Amino acid sequence: MGIVSFFKNAFSDMGKSAKAQHEVDKAQFEATKAESKAQWEEAKMTPAGRQAKMQDERNAQIKEAKERTAAAKERIDLAKTRQK
């Protein structure tokens, strides 16, 4: 492989990498823009709407905690049966 082909491949790889990074940057920018709009819309919610949203979040947290507790209990039971 000569120097010319080395640099040709290197610049080709850099171009492909730059295009791929540009796609990542575009996607991240769109996500940030959407999140910002969501925060703005949430800020404009009525107090009743805000309370309902907070209750939904609490319910999701409770559900997740119960699932974690159930998984831990299964692990405990499994460990106890293996000790016997």
PDB file of N, CA and C in Angstrom:
ATOM      1  N   MET A   1       0.865  -1.161   0.000  1.00  0.00           N
ATOM      2  CA  MET A   1       0.000   0.000   0.000  1.00  0.00           C
ATOM      3  C   MET A   1       0.914   1.227   0.000  1.00  0.00           C
ATOM      4  N   GLY A   2       0.658   2.095  -0.937  1.00  0.00           N
ATOM      5  CA  GLY A   2       1.471   3.302  -1.052  1.00  0.00           C
ATOM      6  C   GLY A   2       0.910   4.429  -0.206  1.00  0.00           C
ATOM      7  N   ILE A   3       1.672   5.483  -0.167  1.00  0.00           N
ATOM      8  CA  ILE A   3       1.283   6.651   0.628  1.00  0.00           C
ATOM      9  C   ILE A   3       0.013   7.277   0.071  1.00  0.00           C
ATOM     10  N   VAL A   4      -0.127   7.324  -1.234  1.00  0.00           N
ATOM     11  CA  VAL A   4      -1.314   7.941  -1.844  1.00  0.00           C
ATOM     12  C   VAL A   4      -2.574   7.172  -1.446  1.00  0.00           C
ATOM     13  N   SER A   5      -2.532   5.869  -1.544  1.00  0.00           N
ATOM     14  CA  SER A   5      -3.715   5.074  -1.185  1.00  0.00           C
ATOM     15  C   SER A   5      -3.979   5.149   0.322  1.00  0.00           C
ATOM     16  N   PHE A   6      -2.923   5.248   1.121  1.00  0.00           N
ATOM     17  CA  PHE A   6      -3.099   5.384   2.567  1.00  0.00           C
ATOM     18  C   PHE A   6      -3.888   6.656   2.888  1.00  0.00           C
ATOM     19  N   PHE A   7      -3.467   7.770   2.317  1.00  0.00           N
ATOM     20  CA  PHE A   7      -4.153   9.032   2.581  1.00  0.00           C
ATOM     21  C   PHE A   7      -5.548   9.053   1.982  1.00  0.00           C
ATOM     22  N   LYS A   8      -5.712   8.410   0.827  1.00  0.00           N
ATOM     23  CA  LYS A   8      -7.032   8.326   0.210  1.00  0.00           C
ATOM     24  C   LYS A   8      -7.992   7.589   1.140  1.00  0.00           C
ATOM     25  N   ASN A   9      -7.541   6.460   1.674  1.00  0.00           N
ATOM     26  CA  ASN A   9      -8.368   5.687   2.610  1.00  0.00           C
ATOM     27  C   ASN A   9      -8.613   6.463   3.908  1.00  0.00           C
ATOM     28  N   ALA A  10      -7.572   7.140   4.389  1.00  0.00           N
ATOM     29  CA  ALA A  10      -7.717   7.887   5.639  1.00  0.00           C
ATOM     30  C   ALA A  10      -8.755   8.998   5.482  1.00  0.00           C
ATOM     31  N   PHE A  11      -8.682   9.764   4.401  1.00  0.00           N
ATOM     32  CA  PHE A  11      -9.637  10.848   4.193  1.00  0.00           C
ATOM     33  C   PHE A  11     -11.040  10.326   3.915  1.00  0.00           C
ATOM     34  N   SER A  12     -11.116   9.190   3.257  1.00  0.00           N
ATOM     35  CA  SER A  12     -12.427   8.569   3.019  1.00  0.00           C
ATOM     36  C   SER A  12     -13.057   8.150   4.341  1.00  0.00           C
ATOM     37  N   ASP A  13     -12.250   7.538   5.212  1.00  0.00           N
ATOM     38  CA  ASP A  13     -12.746   7.130   6.529  1.00  0.00           C
ATOM     39  C   ASP A  13     -13.169   8.330   7.365  1.00  0.00           C
ATOM     40  N   MET A  14     -12.381   9.399   7.299  1.00  0.00           N
ATOM     41  CA  MET A  14     -12.734  10.610   8.054  1.00  0.00           C
ATOM     42  C   MET A  14     -14.042  11.202   7.552  1.00  0.00           C
ATOM     43  N   GLY A  15     -14.250  11.171   6.232  1.00  0.00           N
ATOM     44  CA  GLY A  15     -15.492  11.692   5.678  1.00  0.00           C
ATOM     45  C   GLY A  15     -16.695  10.875   6.129  1.00  0.00           C
ATOM     46  N   LYS A  16     -16.557   9.557   6.113  1.00  0.00           N
ATOM     47  CA  LYS A  16     -17.643   8.683   6.567  1.00  0.00           C
ATOM     48  C   LYS A  16     -17.929   8.899   8.047  1.00  0.00           C
ATOM     49  N   SER A  17     -16.859   9.036   8.832  1.00  0.00           N
ATOM     50  CA  SER A  17     -17.019   9.261  10.257  1.00  0.00           C
ATOM     51  C   SER A  17     -17.706  10.595  10.527  1.00  0.00           C
ATOM     52  N   ALA A  18     -17.336  11.620   9.779  1.00  0.00           N
ATOM     53  CA  ALA A  18     -17.952  12.935   9.955  1.00  0.00           C
ATOM     54  C   ALA A  18     -19.433  12.897   9.606  1.00  0.00           C
ATOM     55  N   LYS A  19     -19.786  12.184   8.544  1.00  0.00           N
ATOM     56  CA  LYS A  19     -21.204  12.070   8.165  1.00  0.00           C
ATOM     57  C   LYS A  19     -21.993  11.332   9.242  1.00  0.00           C
ATOM     58  N   ALA A  20     -21.413  10.260   9.766  1.00  0.00           N
ATOM     59  CA  ALA A  20     -22.094   9.490  10.812  1.00  0.00           C
ATOM     60  C   ALA A  20     -22.260  10.337  12.073  1.00  0.00           C
ATOM     61  N   GLN A  21     -21.226  11.091  12.440  1.00  0.00           N
ATOM     62  CA  GLN A  21     -21.315  11.945  13.625  1.00  0.00           C
ATOM     63  C   GLN A  21     -22.343  13.049  13.418  1.00  0.00           C
ATOM     64  N   HIS A  22     -22.454  13.547  12.195  1.00  0.00           N
ATOM     65  CA  HIS A  22     -23.456  14.569  11.893  1.00  0.00           C
ATOM     66  C   HIS A  22     -24.869  14.020  12.099  1.00  0.00           C
ATOM     67  N   GLU A  23     -25.092  12.781  11.702  1.00  0.00           N
ATOM     68  CA  GLU A  23     -26.397  12.148  11.908  1.00  0.00           C
ATOM     69  C   GLU A  23     -26.694  12.013  13.403  1.00  0.00           C
ATOM     70  N   VAL A  24     -25.691  11.633  14.180  1.00  0.00           N
ATOM     71  CA  VAL A  24     -25.856  11.519  15.630  1.00  0.00           C
ATOM     72  C   VAL A  24     -26.190  12.885  16.216  1.00  0.00           C
ATOM     73  N   ASP A  25     -25.452  13.897  15.804  1.00  0.00           N
ATOM     74  CA  ASP A  25     -25.687  15.249  16.313  1.00  0.00           C
ATOM     75  C   ASP A  25     -27.084  15.749  15.963  1.00  0.00           C
ATOM     76  N   LYS A  26     -27.533  15.474  14.738  1.00  0.00           N
ATOM     77  CA  LYS A  26     -28.879  15.886  14.328  1.00  0.00           C
ATOM     78  C   LYS A  26     -29.933  15.210  15.196  1.00  0.00           C
ATOM     79  N   ALA A  27     -29.775  13.907  15.425  1.00  0.00           N
ATOM     80  CA  ALA A  27     -30.742  13.162  16.231  1.00  0.00           C
ATOM     81  C   ALA A  27     -30.757  13.672  17.666  1.00  0.00           C
ATOM     82  N   GLN A  28     -29.591  13.942  18.230  1.00  0.00           N
ATOM     83  CA  GLN A  28     -29.523  14.454  19.594  1.00  0.00           C
ATOM     84  C   GLN A  28     -30.130  15.852  19.688  1.00  0.00           C
ATOM     85  N   PHE A  29     -29.919  16.685  18.678  1.00  0.00           N
ATOM     86  CA  PHE A  29     -30.497  18.018  18.670  1.00  0.00           C
ATOM     87  C   PHE A  29     -32.016  17.944  18.628  1.00  0.00           C
ATOM     88  N   GLU A  30     -32.545  17.065  17.789  1.00  0.00           N
ATOM     89  CA  GLU A  30     -34.001  16.899  17.704  1.00  0.00           C
ATOM     90  C   GLU A  30     -34.571  16.412  19.034  1.00  0.00           C
ATOM     91  N   ALA A  31     -33.872  15.484  19.686  1.00  0.00           N
ATOM     92  CA  ALA A  31     -34.332  14.979  20.986  1.00  0.00           C
ATOM     93  C   ALA A  31     -34.323  16.088  22.024  1.00  0.00           C
ATOM     94  N   THR A  32     -33.272  16.885  22.046  1.00  0.00           N
ATOM     95  CA  THR A  32     -33.182  17.990  23.002  1.00  0.00           C
ATOM     96  C   THR A  32     -34.275  19.009  22.743  1.00  0.00           C
ATOM     97  N   LYS A  33     -34.526  19.290  21.487  1.00  0.00           N
ATOM     98  CA  LYS A  33     -35.574  20.243  21.114  1.00  0.00           C
ATOM     99  C   LYS A  33     -36.946  19.738  21.565  1.00  0.00           C
ATOM    100  N   ALA A  34     -37.211  18.452  21.359  1.00  0.00           N
ATOM    101  CA  ALA A  34     -38.490  17.867  21.763  1.00  0.00           C
ATOM    102  C   ALA A  34     -38.635  17.869  23.283  1.00  0.00           C
ATOM    103  N   GLU A  35     -37.557  17.547  23.995  1.00  0.00           N
ATOM    104  CA  GLU A  35     -37.609  17.564  25.455  1.00  0.00           C
ATOM    105  C   GLU A  35     -37.868  18.968  25.986  1.00  0.00           C
ATOM    106  N   SER A  36     -37.255  19.952  25.346  1.00  0.00           N
ATOM    107  CA  SER A  36     -37.466  21.340  25.751  1.00  0.00           C
ATOM    108  C   SER A  36     -38.917  21.750  25.550  1.00  0.00           C
ATOM    109  N   LYS A  37     -39.486  21.351  24.428  1.00  0.00           N
ATOM    110  CA  LYS A  37     -40.897  21.664  24.155  1.00  0.00           C
ATOM    111  C   LYS A  37     -41.799  20.961  25.167  1.00  0.00           C
ATOM    112  N   ALA A  38     -41.464  19.721  25.510  1.00  0.00           N
ATOM    113  CA  ALA A  38     -42.264  18.983  26.494  1.00  0.00           C
ATOM    114  C   ALA A  38     -42.211  19.677  27.850  1.00  0.00           C
ATOM    115  N   GLN A  39     -41.025  20.152  28.243  1.00  0.00           N
ATOM    116  CA  GLN A  39     -40.913  20.866  29.510  1.00  0.00           C
ATOM    117  C   GLN A  39     -41.735  22.149  29.487  1.00  0.00           C
ATOM    118  N   TRP A  40     -41.722  22.839  28.364  1.00  0.00           N
ATOM    119  CA  TRP A  40     -42.498  24.066  28.231  1.00  0.00           C
ATOM    120  C   TRP A  40     -43.990  23.782  28.358  1.00  0.00           C
ATOM    121  N   GLU A  41     -44.431  22.732  27.685  1.00  0.00           N
ATOM    122  CA  GLU A  41     -45.854  22.383  27.752  1.00  0.00           C
ATOM    123  C   GLU A  41     -46.243  21.948  29.161  1.00  0.00           C
ATOM    124  N   GLU A  42     -45.350  21.219  29.837  1.00  0.00           N
ATOM    125  CA  GLU A  42     -45.627  20.802  31.212  1.00  0.00           C
ATOM    126  C   GLU A  42     -45.689  22.008  32.146  1.00  0.00           C
ATOM    127  N   ALA A  43     -44.870  23.006  31.876  1.00  0.00           N
ATOM    128  CA  ALA A  43     -44.868  24.205  32.717  1.00  0.00           C
ATOM    129  C   ALA A  43     -46.176  24.973  32.582  1.00  0.00           C
ATOM    130  N   LYS A  44     -46.834  24.850  31.450  1.00  0.00           N
ATOM    131  CA  LYS A  44     -48.086  25.561  31.212  1.00  0.00           C
ATOM    132  C   LYS A  44     -49.305  24.782  31.698  1.00  0.00           C
ATOM    133  N   MET A  45     -49.091  23.594  32.273  1.00  0.00           N
ATOM    134  CA  MET A  45     -50.215  22.771  32.716  1.00  0.00           C
ATOM    135  C   MET A  45     -50.960  23.433  33.866  1.00  0.00           C
ATOM    136  N   THR A  46     -52.208  23.083  33.990  1.00  0.00           N
ATOM    137  CA  THR A  46     -53.014  23.571  35.105  1.00  0.00           C
ATOM    138  C   THR A  46     -52.583  22.845  36.375  1.00  0.00           C
ATOM    139  N   PRO A  47     -52.900  23.404  37.530  1.00  0.00           N
ATOM    140  CA  PRO A  47     -52.532  22.705  38.771  1.00  0.00           C
ATOM    141  C   PRO A  47     -53.112  21.287  38.849  1.00  0.00           C
ATOM    142  N   ALA A  48     -54.348  21.127  38.385  1.00  0.00           N
ATOM    143  CA  ALA A  48     -54.945  19.781  38.410  1.00  0.00           C
ATOM    144  C   ALA A  48     -54.189  18.841  37.478  1.00  0.00           C
ATOM    145  N   GLY A  49     -53.810  19.329  36.323  1.00  0.00           N
ATOM    146  CA  GLY A  49     -53.041  18.511  35.377  1.00  0.00           C
ATOM    147  C   GLY A  49     -51.683  18.151  35.931  1.00  0.00           C
ATOM    148  N   ARG A  50     -51.050  19.103  36.617  1.00  0.00           N
ATOM    149  CA  ARG A  50     -49.741  18.864  37.224  1.00  0.00           C
ATOM    150  C   ARG A  50     -49.858  17.810  38.324  1.00  0.00           C
ATOM    151  N   GLN A  51     -50.922  17.902  39.124  1.00  0.00           N
ATOM    152  CA  GLN A  51     -51.118  16.907  40.189  1.00  0.00           C
ATOM    153  C   GLN A  51     -51.340  15.518  39.599  1.00  0.00           C
ATOM    154  N   ALA A  52     -52.111  15.437  38.524  1.00  0.00           N
ATOM    155  CA  ALA A  52     -52.360  14.143  37.886  1.00  0.00           C
ATOM    156  C   ALA A  52     -51.060  13.558  37.334  1.00  0.00           C
ATOM    157  N   LYS A  53     -50.228  14.419  36.732  1.00  0.00           N
ATOM    158  CA  LYS A  53     -48.944  13.963  36.196  1.00  0.00           C
ATOM    159  C   LYS A  53     -48.054  13.449  37.319  1.00  0.00           C
ATOM    160  N   MET A  54     -48.010  14.183  38.422  1.00  0.00           N
ATOM    161  CA  MET A  54     -47.186  13.759  39.553  1.00  0.00           C
ATOM    162  C   MET A  54     -47.686  12.448  40.144  1.00  0.00           C
ATOM    163  N   GLN A  55     -49.005  12.269  40.195  1.00  0.00           N
ATOM    164  CA  GLN A  55     -49.561  11.020  40.720  1.00  0.00           C
ATOM    165  C   GLN A  55     -49.208   9.855  39.799  1.00  0.00           C
ATOM    166  N   ASP A  56     -49.253  10.081  38.496  1.00  0.00           N
ATOM    167  CA  ASP A  56     -48.855   9.038  37.548  1.00  0.00           C
ATOM    168  C   ASP A  56     -47.397   8.640  37.755  1.00  0.00           C
ATOM    169  N   GLU A  57     -46.541   9.639  37.971  1.00  0.00           N
ATOM    170  CA  GLU A  57     -45.129   9.353  38.205  1.00  0.00           C
ATOM    171  C   GLU A  57     -44.941   8.565  39.505  1.00  0.00           C
ATOM    172  N   ARG A  58     -45.676   8.934  40.555  1.00  0.00           N
ATOM    173  CA  ARG A  58     -45.583   8.201  41.817  1.00  0.00           C
ATOM    174  C   ARG A  58     -46.064   6.768  41.649  1.00  0.00           C
ATOM    175  N   ASN A  59     -47.153   6.585  40.902  1.00  0.00           N
ATOM    176  CA  ASN A  59     -47.664   5.228  40.669  1.00  0.00           C
ATOM    177  C   ASN A  59     -46.634   4.382  39.927  1.00  0.00           C
ATOM    178  N   ALA A  60     -45.959   4.985  38.954  1.00  0.00           N
ATOM    179  CA  ALA A  60     -44.926   4.260  38.211  1.00  0.00           C
ATOM    180  C   ALA A  60     -43.771   3.888  39.125  1.00  0.00           C
ATOM    181  N   GLN A  61     -43.397   4.789  40.031  1.00  0.00           N
ATOM    182  CA  GLN A  61     -42.308   4.503  40.964  1.00  0.00           C
ATOM    183  C   GLN A  61     -42.691   3.390  41.929  1.00  0.00           C
ATOM    184  N   ILE A  62     -43.941   3.402  42.387  1.00  0.00           N
ATOM    185  CA  ILE A  62     -44.418   2.348  43.289  1.00  0.00           C
ATOM    186  C   ILE A  62     -44.404   1.001  42.579  1.00  0.00           C
ATOM    187  N   LYS A  63     -44.864   0.988  41.335  1.00  0.00           N
ATOM    188  CA  LYS A  63     -44.891  -0.251  40.561  1.00  0.00           C
ATOM    189  C   LYS A  63     -43.472  -0.790  40.380  1.00  0.00           C
ATOM    190  N   GLU A  64     -42.536   0.094  40.046  1.00  0.00           N
ATOM    191  CA  GLU A  64     -41.150  -0.328  39.865  1.00  0.00           C
ATOM    192  C   GLU A  64     -40.570  -0.882  41.166  1.00  0.00           C
ATOM    193  N   ALA A  65     -40.862  -0.234  42.287  1.00  0.00           N
ATOM    194  CA  ALA A  65     -40.351  -0.688  43.578  1.00  0.00           C
ATOM    195  C   ALA A  65     -40.916  -2.062  43.930  1.00  0.00           C
ATOM    196  N   LYS A  66     -42.194  -2.281  43.636  1.00  0.00           N
ATOM    197  CA  LYS A  66     -42.800  -3.585  43.918  1.00  0.00           C
ATOM    198  C   LYS A  66     -42.184  -4.676  43.051  1.00  0.00           C
ATOM    199  N   GLU A  67     -41.886  -4.352  41.787  1.00  0.00           N
ATOM    200  CA  GLU A  67     -41.250  -5.324  40.908  1.00  0.00           C
ATOM    201  C   GLU A  67     -39.851  -5.665  41.409  1.00  0.00           C
ATOM    202  N   ARG A  68     -39.111  -4.654  41.862  1.00  0.00           N
ATOM    203  CA  ARG A  68     -37.776  -4.898  42.398  1.00  0.00           C
ATOM    204  C   ARG A  68     -37.842  -5.745  43.651  1.00  0.00           C
ATOM    205  N   THR A  69     -38.842  -5.493  44.504  1.00  0.00           N
ATOM    206  CA  THR A  69     -39.014  -6.272  45.728  1.00  0.00           C
ATOM    207  C   THR A  69     -39.320  -7.727  45.391  1.00  0.00           C
ATOM    208  N   ALA A  70     -40.206  -7.942  44.420  1.00  0.00           N
ATOM    209  CA  ALA A  70     -40.551  -9.306  44.023  1.00  0.00           C
ATOM    210  C   ALA A  70     -39.331 -10.034  43.461  1.00  0.00           C
ATOM    211  N   ALA A  71     -38.540  -9.336  42.653  1.00  0.00           N
ATOM    212  CA  ALA A  71     -37.336  -9.949  42.087  1.00  0.00           C
ATOM    213  C   ALA A  71     -36.341 -10.302  43.187  1.00  0.00           C
ATOM    214  N   ALA A  72     -36.205  -9.422  44.166  1.00  0.00           N
ATOM    215  CA  ALA A  72     -35.282  -9.688  45.274  1.00  0.00           C
ATOM    216  C   ALA A  72     -35.758 -10.883  46.098  1.00  0.00           C
ATOM    217  N   LYS A  73     -37.065 -10.974  46.326  1.00  0.00           N
ATOM    218  CA  LYS A  73     -37.594 -12.114  47.081  1.00  0.00           C
ATOM    219  C   LYS A  73     -37.347 -13.423  46.344  1.00  0.00           C
ATOM    220  N   GLU A  74     -37.483 -13.408  45.031  1.00  0.00           N
ATOM    221  CA  GLU A  74     -37.202 -14.607  44.243  1.00  0.00           C
ATOM    222  C   GLU A  74     -35.738 -15.008  44.381  1.00  0.00           C
ATOM    223  N   ARG A  75     -34.852 -14.011  44.347  1.00  0.00           N
ATOM    224  CA  ARG A  75     -33.425 -14.304  44.511  1.00  0.00           C
ATOM    225  C   ARG A  75     -33.141 -14.871  45.894  1.00  0.00           C
ATOM    226  N   ILE A  76     -33.805 -14.329  46.913  1.00  0.00           N
ATOM    227  CA  ILE A  76     -33.629 -14.826  48.281  1.00  0.00           C
ATOM    228  C   ILE A  76     -34.083 -16.277  48.369  1.00  0.00           C
ATOM    229  N   ASP A  77     -35.265 -16.566  47.829  1.00  0.00           N
ATOM    230  CA  ASP A  77     -35.787 -17.930  47.855  1.00  0.00           C
ATOM    231  C   ASP A  77     -34.867 -18.884  47.109  1.00  0.00           C
ATOM    232  N   LEU A  78     -34.353 -18.458  45.967  1.00  0.00           N
ATOM    233  CA  LEU A  78     -33.443 -19.289  45.185  1.00  0.00           C
ATOM    234  C   LEU A  78     -32.159 -19.560  45.968  1.00  0.00           C
ATOM    235  N   ALA A  79     -31.651 -18.533  46.629  1.00  0.00           N
ATOM    236  CA  ALA A  79     -30.430 -18.702  47.404  1.00  0.00           C
ATOM    237  C   ALA A  79     -30.667 -19.641  48.592  1.00  0.00           C
ATOM    238  N   LYS A  80     -31.824 -19.547  49.215  1.00  0.00           N
ATOM    239  CA  LYS A  80     -32.134 -20.417  50.348  1.00  0.00           C
ATOM    240  C   LYS A  80     -32.263 -21.876  49.916  1.00  0.00           C
ATOM    241  N   THR A  81     -32.861 -22.105  48.745  1.00  0.00           N
ATOM    242  CA  THR A  81     -33.012 -23.499  48.283  1.00  0.00           C
ATOM    243  C   THR A  81     -31.662 -24.082  47.883  1.00  0.00           C
ATOM    244  N   ARG A  82     -30.750 -23.278  47.430  1.00  0.00           N
ATOM    245  CA  ARG A  82     -29.424 -23.782  47.054  1.00  0.00           C
ATOM    246  C   ARG A  82     -28.570 -24.069  48.262  1.00  0.00           C
ATOM    247  N   GLN A  83     -28.854 -23.434  49.397  1.00  0.00           N
ATOM    248  CA  GLN A  83     -28.079 -23.665  50.607  1.00  0.00           C
ATOM    249  C   GLN A  83     -28.391 -25.004  51.233  1.00  0.00           C
ATOM    250  N   LYS A  84     -29.553 -25.546  50.969  1.00  0.00           N
ATOM    251  CA  LYS A  84     -29.990 -26.799  51.599  1.00  0.00           C
ATOM    252  C   LYS A  84     -29.296 -27.988  51.016  1.00  0.00           C
TER     253      LYS A  84
END
